[in-house]
Amino acid sequence: MVDIIVWIIFGALAGWIASMIMNTNHEQGALANIVVGILGAFIGGFLMRALTGSSVEGFSLPGLLVAILGAVVLLAIVKTFRRGSSRV
């Protein structure tokens, strides 16, 4: 149970930092930050493994940075699709 709570906090932190980097913090709440952070960790882990051949596991500063990178990529993709759909 404690692991799940720690993952949620880690995801929230990564998602919140990424939303501040991408200037989307005013558009999303805490739940969206958590989801973006957790999905970002998966995306960041995949990208790290694909680009470097190594993986970052566990709760650490490198793990947080990879999660933030993945969350920024996710938010950039979402912003691109939102921008494209608003022109219709």
N, C-alpha and C. Protein backbone atom coordinates (compact mmCIF):
# COMPACT_ATOMS: atom_id res chain seq x y z
N MET A 1 0.83 -1.20 0.00
CA MET A 1 0.00 0.00 0.00
C MET A 1 0.87 1.26 0.00
N VAL A 2 1.95 1.22 0.77
CA VAL A 2 2.83 2.38 0.84
C VAL A 2 3.48 2.64 -0.51
N ASP A 3 3.83 1.57 -1.24
CA ASP A 3 4.44 1.73 -2.56
C ASP A 3 3.53 2.48 -3.52
N ILE A 4 2.26 2.17 -3.48
CA ILE A 4 1.30 2.84 -4.36
C ILE A 4 1.23 4.33 -4.04
N ILE A 5 1.20 4.66 -2.78
CA ILE A 5 1.15 6.07 -2.38
C ILE A 5 2.41 6.80 -2.82
N VAL A 6 3.57 6.14 -2.69
CA VAL A 6 4.83 6.76 -3.11
C VAL A 6 4.83 6.96 -4.62
N TRP A 7 4.35 5.97 -5.39
CA TRP A 7 4.26 6.12 -6.85
C TRP A 7 3.36 7.28 -7.24
N ILE A 8 2.24 7.45 -6.53
CA ILE A 8 1.32 8.54 -6.83
C ILE A 8 1.99 9.88 -6.55
N ILE A 9 2.68 9.98 -5.43
CA ILE A 9 3.39 11.23 -5.09
C ILE A 9 4.49 11.51 -6.11
N PHE A 10 5.25 10.48 -6.48
CA PHE A 10 6.31 10.62 -7.48
C PHE A 10 5.73 11.07 -8.83
N GLY A 11 4.62 10.45 -9.24
CA GLY A 11 3.96 10.83 -10.48
C GLY A 11 3.42 12.24 -10.43
N ALA A 12 2.85 12.62 -9.30
CA ALA A 12 2.32 13.98 -9.15
C ALA A 12 3.43 15.01 -9.26
N LEU A 13 4.55 14.74 -8.63
CA LEU A 13 5.69 15.66 -8.67
C LEU A 13 6.22 15.79 -10.10
N ALA A 14 6.42 14.67 -10.77
CA ALA A 14 6.92 14.70 -12.15
C ALA A 14 5.93 15.41 -13.07
N GLY A 15 4.64 15.10 -12.93
CA GLY A 15 3.63 15.74 -13.76
C GLY A 15 3.51 17.24 -13.50
N TRP A 16 3.63 17.63 -12.24
CA TRP A 16 3.53 19.04 -11.90
C TRP A 16 4.72 19.82 -12.47
N ILE A 17 5.92 19.27 -12.32
CA ILE A 17 7.10 19.95 -12.87
C ILE A 17 7.01 20.05 -14.39
N ALA A 18 6.58 18.95 -15.03
CA ALA A 18 6.45 18.96 -16.49
C ALA A 18 5.39 19.96 -16.94
N SER A 19 4.29 20.07 -16.20
CA SER A 19 3.24 21.02 -16.58
C SER A 19 3.72 22.47 -16.42
N MET A 20 4.61 22.71 -15.46
CA MET A 20 5.18 24.05 -15.33
C MET A 20 6.14 24.33 -16.48
N ILE A 21 6.92 23.33 -16.88
CA ILE A 21 7.85 23.49 -18.00
C ILE A 21 7.07 23.78 -19.28
N MET A 22 5.97 23.04 -19.50
CA MET A 22 5.20 23.17 -20.74
C MET A 22 4.12 24.26 -20.65
N ASN A 23 4.06 24.96 -19.53
CA ASN A 23 3.10 26.04 -19.32
C ASN A 23 1.65 25.57 -19.46
N THR A 24 1.36 24.39 -18.91
CA THR A 24 0.00 23.86 -18.90
C THR A 24 -0.53 23.71 -17.48
N ASN A 25 0.20 24.21 -16.51
CA ASN A 25 -0.18 24.03 -15.11
C ASN A 25 -1.55 24.64 -14.81
N HIS A 26 -1.88 25.75 -15.45
CA HIS A 26 -3.17 26.40 -15.20
C HIS A 26 -4.33 25.64 -15.83
N GLU A 27 -4.06 24.70 -16.73
CA GLU A 27 -5.11 23.96 -17.42
C GLU A 27 -5.47 22.64 -16.75
N GLN A 28 -4.63 22.14 -15.88
CA GLN A 28 -4.87 20.83 -15.32
C GLN A 28 -4.75 20.86 -13.81
N GLY A 29 -5.45 19.95 -13.18
CA GLY A 29 -5.45 19.86 -11.74
C GLY A 29 -4.50 18.79 -11.24
N ALA A 30 -4.63 18.48 -9.97
CA ALA A 30 -3.74 17.51 -9.34
C ALA A 30 -3.89 16.12 -9.94
N LEU A 31 -5.11 15.70 -10.23
CA LEU A 31 -5.32 14.37 -10.79
C LEU A 31 -4.66 14.26 -12.17
N ALA A 32 -4.81 15.28 -12.98
CA ALA A 32 -4.17 15.27 -14.31
C ALA A 32 -2.65 15.26 -14.18
N ASN A 33 -2.11 15.99 -13.21
CA ASN A 33 -0.66 15.97 -12.98
C ASN A 33 -0.18 14.57 -12.62
N ILE A 34 -0.95 13.88 -11.79
CA ILE A 34 -0.58 12.52 -11.38
C ILE A 34 -0.58 11.59 -12.60
N VAL A 35 -1.64 11.66 -13.39
CA VAL A 35 -1.75 10.80 -14.57
C VAL A 35 -0.63 11.11 -15.56
N VAL A 36 -0.39 12.40 -15.81
CA VAL A 36 0.67 12.79 -16.75
C VAL A 36 2.03 12.32 -16.23
N GLY A 37 2.26 12.44 -14.94
CA GLY A 37 3.53 12.02 -14.36
C GLY A 37 3.75 10.52 -14.46
N ILE A 38 2.72 9.75 -14.18
CA ILE A 38 2.85 8.29 -14.25
C ILE A 38 3.03 7.84 -15.70
N LEU A 39 2.20 8.37 -16.61
CA LEU A 39 2.37 8.04 -18.03
C LEU A 39 3.73 8.53 -18.54
N GLY A 40 4.13 9.70 -18.07
CA GLY A 40 5.43 10.24 -18.45
C GLY A 40 6.58 9.35 -18.01
N ALA A 41 6.44 8.72 -16.84
CA ALA A 41 7.49 7.80 -16.38
C ALA A 41 7.61 6.61 -17.33
N PHE A 42 6.48 6.10 -17.79
CA PHE A 42 6.52 5.00 -18.75
C PHE A 42 7.14 5.45 -20.08
N ILE A 43 6.71 6.61 -20.57
CA ILE A 43 7.25 7.12 -21.83
C ILE A 43 8.74 7.41 -21.70
N GLY A 44 9.12 8.07 -20.62
CA GLY A 44 10.53 8.39 -20.39
C GLY A 44 11.38 7.13 -20.28
N GLY A 45 10.87 6.12 -19.57
CA GLY A 45 11.59 4.87 -19.45
C GLY A 45 11.77 4.18 -20.79
N PHE A 46 10.72 4.21 -21.61
CA PHE A 46 10.80 3.63 -22.94
C PHE A 46 11.82 4.37 -23.80
N LEU A 47 11.76 5.70 -23.78
CA LEU A 47 12.70 6.50 -24.57
C LEU A 47 14.14 6.29 -24.10
N MET A 48 14.34 6.25 -22.80
CA MET A 48 15.68 6.06 -22.25
C MET A 48 16.25 4.71 -22.69
N ARG A 49 15.42 3.68 -22.61
CA ARG A 49 15.86 2.35 -23.00
C ARG A 49 16.13 2.29 -24.50
N ALA A 50 15.28 2.94 -25.31
CA ALA A 50 15.45 2.92 -26.76
C ALA A 50 16.68 3.71 -27.21
N LEU A 51 16.94 4.83 -26.55
CA LEU A 51 18.04 5.69 -26.99
C LEU A 51 19.40 5.29 -26.41
N THR A 52 19.41 4.81 -25.18
CA THR A 52 20.69 4.52 -24.53
C THR A 52 20.93 3.04 -24.27
N GLY A 53 19.90 2.25 -24.32
CA GLY A 53 20.04 0.83 -24.01
C GLY A 53 20.04 0.52 -22.53
N SER A 54 20.00 1.54 -21.70
CA SER A 54 19.96 1.32 -20.25
C SER A 54 18.62 1.80 -19.71
N SER A 55 18.31 1.36 -18.52
CA SER A 55 17.05 1.76 -17.91
C SER A 55 17.31 2.41 -16.55
N VAL A 56 16.39 3.24 -16.16
CA VAL A 56 16.44 3.88 -14.85
C VAL A 56 15.28 3.33 -14.05
N GLU A 57 15.58 2.75 -12.92
CA GLU A 57 14.54 2.13 -12.11
C GLU A 57 14.58 2.68 -10.70
N GLY A 58 13.44 2.66 -10.06
CA GLY A 58 13.37 3.06 -8.67
C GLY A 58 13.17 4.55 -8.48
N PHE A 59 13.10 4.92 -7.22
CA PHE A 59 12.88 6.31 -6.86
C PHE A 59 14.22 6.97 -6.63
N SER A 60 14.63 7.77 -7.60
CA SER A 60 15.92 8.45 -7.52
C SER A 60 15.83 9.73 -8.34
N LEU A 61 16.83 10.56 -8.23
CA LEU A 61 16.86 11.78 -9.03
C LEU A 61 16.89 11.47 -10.52
N PRO A 62 17.72 10.52 -10.99
CA PRO A 62 17.65 10.18 -12.41
C PRO A 62 16.27 9.65 -12.83
N GLY A 63 15.64 8.88 -11.95
CA GLY A 63 14.29 8.38 -12.24
C GLY A 63 13.29 9.52 -12.36
N LEU A 64 13.41 10.50 -11.48
CA LEU A 64 12.52 11.66 -11.54
C LEU A 64 12.75 12.45 -12.83
N LEU A 65 14.01 12.64 -13.20
CA LEU A 65 14.31 13.38 -14.42
C LEU A 65 13.78 12.66 -15.66
N VAL A 66 13.89 11.34 -15.69
CA VAL A 66 13.35 10.58 -16.82
C VAL A 66 11.83 10.69 -16.85
N ALA A 67 11.18 10.64 -15.70
CA ALA A 67 9.72 10.78 -15.64
C ALA A 67 9.30 12.18 -16.11
N ILE A 68 10.04 13.19 -15.71
CA ILE A 68 9.73 14.56 -16.14
C ILE A 68 9.91 14.68 -17.65
N LEU A 69 11.00 14.12 -18.18
CA LEU A 69 11.22 14.15 -19.63
C LEU A 69 10.07 13.48 -20.37
N GLY A 70 9.66 12.32 -19.91
CA GLY A 70 8.54 11.63 -20.54
C GLY A 70 7.24 12.41 -20.44
N ALA A 71 7.00 13.05 -19.30
CA ALA A 71 5.80 13.85 -19.13
C ALA A 71 5.81 15.08 -20.04
N VAL A 72 6.98 15.68 -20.22
CA VAL A 72 7.10 16.82 -21.14
C VAL A 72 6.79 16.37 -22.57
N VAL A 73 7.30 15.21 -22.96
CA VAL A 73 7.00 14.66 -24.30
C VAL A 73 5.50 14.43 -24.44
N LEU A 74 4.89 13.84 -23.43
CA LEU A 74 3.45 13.59 -23.47
C LEU A 74 2.67 14.89 -23.59
N LEU A 75 3.01 15.90 -22.80
CA LEU A 75 2.30 17.17 -22.86
C LEU A 75 2.52 17.87 -24.20
N ALA A 76 3.69 17.73 -24.78
CA ALA A 76 3.94 18.32 -26.10
C ALA A 76 3.06 17.67 -27.16
N ILE A 77 2.91 16.36 -27.08
CA ILE A 77 2.04 15.65 -28.03
C ILE A 77 0.59 16.09 -27.84
N VAL A 78 0.15 16.16 -26.60
CA VAL A 78 -1.24 16.59 -26.32
C VAL A 78 -1.47 18.01 -26.80
N LYS A 79 -0.53 18.91 -26.55
CA LYS A 79 -0.67 20.30 -27.00
C LYS A 79 -0.75 20.37 -28.53
N THR A 80 0.03 19.54 -29.22
CA THR A 80 0.01 19.53 -30.68
C THR A 80 -1.36 19.11 -31.19
N PHE A 81 -1.92 18.06 -30.61
CA PHE A 81 -3.24 17.60 -31.05
C PHE A 81 -4.33 18.59 -30.69
N ARG A 82 -4.25 19.20 -29.52
CA ARG A 82 -5.25 20.22 -29.14
C ARG A 82 -5.19 21.42 -30.06
N ARG A 83 -3.99 21.85 -30.40
CA ARG A 83 -3.83 22.98 -31.29
C ARG A 83 -4.39 22.67 -32.67
N GLY A 84 -4.16 21.47 -33.15
CA GLY A 84 -4.65 21.05 -34.46
C GLY A 84 -6.16 20.92 -34.50
N SER A 85 -6.78 20.46 -33.41
CA SER A 85 -8.23 20.28 -33.40
C SER A 85 -8.97 21.59 -33.21
N SER A 86 -8.32 22.63 -32.69
CA SER A 86 -9.00 23.91 -32.49
C SER A 86 -9.14 24.69 -33.77
N ARG A 87 -8.40 24.31 -34.80
CA ARG A 87 -8.47 25.02 -36.09
C ARG A 87 -9.65 24.56 -36.92
N VAL A 88 -10.28 23.47 -36.57
CA VAL A 88 -11.37 22.92 -37.37
C VAL A 88 -12.62 23.71 -37.17
